[in-house]
Every structure is written in C-alpha cells, then in structure tokens.
Amino acid sequence: MLKQLAEFSRPALEFPYILRTRRNHGLEHASIHILSTKRYRLSGRSDDGGFVILGDVPTEAVENAVNEALRRMKAGEHNLAVHPNCGTNLVTTASLASLVGLVGLGGSNRRDGFNRLPTVMTAMMIVLLYSPLLGMALQRHFTTEGDPGDMEVLSVTRNMFTLPLFGKMVVHRVNTRSS
C-alpha cells in the first residue's frame, strides 16, 4: 500500500527541492551507518544543500565515511539510505501511540477509561512492535532516496559549539550538489 501511495506521490517526491533533500537524507544515513561501525554516537539533519552530523568525530573520519557512502550508494547499495534510528521511525511511533491513546481513552469518564486501559496498553505494545517496520517503509518510499543520482560532495566543515548544561558539541556540515 505504501509503495502504491509513493508511486501516486512520485511527482511531488521528485520535485527538485524535495528530491535533493531526500537524497541528502539518504547520504546522511549511509554516512552514519559507516561511522557507527566505529561506535560513534551520532545524529544528523538534512536539507536540500547537504546535511549535518552531530557527534564528536574526527573530520577525516566524516569525510572518508561520506565519500565511501556516496561511492557505495552509486554502486547500488541503496539500502544504506534507511536507518533504524531515523527521526521518521520516532515520529511514526509517537504518532501511532498518541492516536491509540486518544482513541482508546478519549471521550470517556475516568472509570470507563480505566476499564479500557488494558486494551489500550495492548494496542500500544502492538504499535511499539510494528511501528519501526512502518517507519522503515516510510523512509524507503518517502523520506529518503537511496539513489544519489549525480550528487557530489562539495565540502565537509567542522564547527564546535559550547552548550549550557551539555558542554561541547561537534557539528560537521556536509555540502552537496546535484542537478
């Protein structure tokens, strides 16, 4: 069903701004897959001009991972664009759990809500079991693109910020270009 919806949505998904963002999102994930083998704790965020990787990683390691990820994706490893820790998975889980809670407990008095609580909890467990699969499918068809097309990496720059309560934060900006 998602695949059919994605085919129907293809004109919007291939709008240049959206496609560039989806391709950068895929390259971000692929880069994080490669960096994660070295046990770095990372997160990222993509836009149409590239992406950022947050985490204390040497710049050379980020550059190598991004270049390897792009090479492997161009060679056909499109599955690297999907990552289990993507925000798409988190939003999918949170949305479905909220919906179950709202429908299951909404519009009732406290006594009725309390009586339905075991059913709502069971439904939430089902959501927690199956929403990662749905989130991965949403990534595959909507929020990432595994085929980088003619994308090229322009630059990788490192910045460090000091945040109150959190200390230093290392941010690498990866700038890309594609037609």
Protein backbone atom coordinates (compact mmCIF):
# COMPACT_ATOMS: atom_id res chain seq x y z
CA MET A 1 0.00 0.00 0.00
CA LEU A 2 2.82 2.45 0.86
CA LYS A 3 4.56 1.62 -2.38
CA GLN A 4 1.39 2.47 -4.32
CA LEU A 5 0.98 5.70 -2.37
CA ALA A 6 4.61 6.56 -3.11
CA GLU A 7 4.03 5.93 -6.83
CA PHE A 8 0.98 8.20 -6.72
CA SER A 9 3.09 10.82 -4.88
CA ARG A 10 6.05 10.46 -7.28
CA PRO A 11 5.61 13.91 -8.94
CA ALA A 12 5.82 15.62 -5.54
CA LEU A 13 8.65 13.36 -4.32
CA GLU A 14 10.68 14.18 -7.44
CA PHE A 15 10.21 17.94 -7.17
CA PRO A 16 13.86 19.14 -7.25
CA TYR A 17 13.98 20.64 -3.74
CA ILE A 18 12.32 17.56 -2.20
CA LEU A 19 14.43 15.09 -4.20
CA ARG A 20 17.68 16.83 -3.21
CA THR A 21 16.60 16.75 0.45
CA ARG A 22 15.64 13.06 0.23
CA ARG A 23 18.96 12.21 -1.43
CA ASN A 24 20.90 14.13 1.22
CA HIS A 25 18.87 12.37 3.91
CA GLY A 26 19.84 9.03 2.35
CA LEU A 27 23.53 10.01 2.18
CA GLU A 28 23.36 11.20 5.79
CA HIS A 29 22.04 7.79 6.87
CA ALA A 30 24.60 5.92 4.78
CA SER A 31 27.41 8.00 6.29
CA ILE A 32 26.10 7.34 9.81
CA HIS A 33 25.90 3.59 9.04
CA ILE A 34 29.59 3.65 8.13
CA LEU A 35 30.64 5.82 11.08
CA SER A 36 28.57 3.71 13.51
CA THR A 37 30.81 0.72 12.88
CA LYS A 38 33.42 2.67 14.86
CA ARG A 39 30.99 3.12 17.78
CA TYR A 40 30.43 6.87 17.42
CA ARG A 41 27.19 8.25 18.87
CA LEU A 42 25.73 10.39 16.13
CA SER A 43 22.68 12.16 14.85
CA GLY A 44 22.03 14.24 11.80
CA ARG A 45 19.70 16.50 9.91
CA SER A 46 19.35 17.02 6.17
CA ASP A 47 18.25 19.79 3.85
CA ASP A 48 18.43 20.43 0.12
CA GLY A 49 22.04 21.65 0.28
CA GLY A 50 23.51 18.83 2.34
CA PHE A 51 23.33 17.67 5.93
CA VAL A 52 24.90 17.98 9.35
CA ILE A 53 26.30 15.23 11.51
CA LEU A 54 26.32 15.91 15.24
CA GLY A 55 28.84 13.96 17.26
CA ASP A 56 32.47 14.10 18.35
CA VAL A 57 34.06 12.55 15.28
CA PRO A 58 37.34 13.45 13.59
CA THR A 59 36.71 15.43 10.41
CA GLU A 60 38.80 13.00 8.37
CA ALA A 61 36.56 10.13 9.52
CA VAL A 62 33.45 12.07 8.43
CA GLU A 63 35.00 12.89 5.04
CA ASN A 64 36.00 9.26 4.49
CA ALA A 65 32.58 7.96 5.55
CA VAL A 66 30.68 10.41 3.35
CA ASN A 67 32.82 9.60 0.31
CA GLU A 68 32.56 5.84 0.92
CA ALA A 69 28.80 6.12 1.45
CA LEU A 70 28.34 8.05 -1.79
CA ARG A 71 30.52 5.59 -3.70
CA ARG A 72 28.63 2.59 -2.33
CA MET A 73 25.22 4.14 -2.98
CA LYS A 74 26.20 4.97 -6.56
CA ALA A 75 27.32 1.33 -6.89
CA GLY A 76 23.80 0.18 -5.98
CA GLU A 77 23.78 -0.13 -2.17
CA HIS A 78 20.58 1.91 -1.93
CA ASN A 79 19.58 0.15 1.31
CA LEU A 80 22.17 2.28 3.15
CA ALA A 81 19.70 5.19 2.91
CA VAL A 82 17.42 3.61 5.53
CA HIS A 83 18.47 3.76 9.18
CA PRO A 84 16.69 2.30 12.24
CA ASN A 85 17.36 5.37 14.40
CA CYS A 86 15.88 7.87 11.95
CA GLY A 87 13.50 10.51 13.23
CA THR A 88 10.91 9.12 10.80
CA ASN A 89 10.74 6.00 12.97
CA LEU A 90 10.40 8.07 16.14
CA VAL A 91 7.65 10.25 14.68
CA THR A 92 5.81 7.18 13.37
CA THR A 93 5.90 5.50 16.77
CA ALA A 94 4.90 8.65 18.67
CA SER A 95 2.06 9.43 16.26
CA LEU A 96 0.59 5.94 16.36
CA ALA A 97 0.93 5.65 20.15
CA SER A 98 -0.73 9.06 20.59
CA LEU A 99 -3.53 8.07 18.25
CA VAL A 100 -4.11 4.82 20.16
CA GLY A 101 -4.18 6.71 23.45
CA LEU A 102 -6.52 9.37 22.10
CA VAL A 103 -8.95 6.91 20.54
CA GLY A 104 -8.69 4.38 23.36
CA LEU A 105 -9.10 6.77 26.27
CA GLY A 106 -10.71 9.83 24.71
CA GLY A 107 -14.29 10.85 25.33
CA SER A 108 -14.74 8.69 28.38
CA ASN A 109 -15.09 9.24 32.06
CA ARG A 110 -12.26 8.08 34.28
CA ARG A 111 -13.91 4.80 35.21
CA ASP A 112 -14.53 3.78 31.59
CA GLY A 113 -11.01 4.87 30.63
CA PHE A 114 -9.54 2.84 33.48
CA ASN A 115 -11.55 -0.21 32.38
CA ARG A 116 -10.21 0.15 28.81
CA LEU A 117 -6.63 0.66 29.96
CA PRO A 118 -5.54 -3.00 29.42
CA THR A 119 -6.85 -2.88 25.84
CA VAL A 120 -5.14 0.46 25.21
CA MET A 121 -1.88 -0.87 26.67
CA THR A 122 -2.07 -3.95 24.44
CA ALA A 123 -2.69 -1.75 21.41
CA MET A 124 0.29 0.42 22.38
CA MET A 125 2.53 -2.66 22.67
CA ILE A 126 1.46 -3.64 19.15
CA VAL A 127 2.31 -0.10 18.00
CA LEU A 128 5.75 -0.36 19.62
CA LEU A 129 6.37 -3.71 17.91
CA TYR A 130 5.25 -2.77 14.41
CA SER A 131 5.84 0.97 14.07
CA PRO A 132 9.61 0.57 13.44
CA LEU A 133 8.75 -1.56 10.39
CA LEU A 134 6.31 1.09 9.21
CA GLY A 135 8.89 3.82 9.88
CA MET A 136 11.50 1.97 7.82
CA ALA A 137 9.00 1.59 4.96
CA LEU A 138 8.16 5.31 5.17
CA GLN A 139 11.86 6.10 4.92
CA ARG A 140 12.33 3.76 1.98
CA HIS A 141 9.42 5.23 0.00
CA PHE A 142 9.08 8.84 1.18
CA THR A 143 11.71 10.49 3.39
CA THR A 144 14.95 9.17 1.86
CA GLU A 145 16.22 8.34 -1.61
CA GLY A 146 18.78 5.57 -1.97
CA ASP A 147 19.83 6.54 -5.49
CA PRO A 148 22.08 9.60 -5.18
CA GLY A 149 21.90 10.32 -8.90
CA ASP A 150 24.58 12.83 -9.94
CA MET A 151 25.17 14.08 -6.38
CA GLU A 152 28.66 15.19 -5.47
CA VAL A 153 30.19 16.25 -2.16
CA LEU A 154 31.44 19.83 -2.23
CA SER A 155 32.83 20.25 1.28
CA VAL A 156 32.90 18.96 4.85
CA THR A 157 33.41 21.58 7.55
CA ARG A 158 33.74 21.18 11.31
CA ASN A 159 32.34 23.55 13.93
CA MET A 160 32.31 23.26 17.69
CA PHE A 161 29.76 24.87 19.95
CA THR A 162 29.52 25.02 23.72
CA LEU A 163 26.02 24.50 25.02
CA PRO A 164 24.93 25.25 28.59
CA LEU A 165 24.35 22.04 30.54
CA PHE A 166 25.61 19.87 27.68
CA GLY A 167 29.17 21.07 27.11
CA LYS A 168 30.82 20.93 23.72
CA MET A 169 29.02 19.83 20.59
CA VAL A 170 30.86 18.99 17.39
CA VAL A 171 28.90 19.61 14.19
CA HIS A 172 30.10 18.67 10.72
CA ARG A 173 28.35 20.31 7.78
CA VAL A 174 28.44 18.32 4.54
CA ASN A 175 27.59 20.41 1.48
CA THR A 176 26.46 18.60 -1.66
CA ARG A 177 25.38 19.50 -5.16
CA SER A 178 23.20 17.77 -7.70
CA SER A 179 21.23 18.92 -10.71
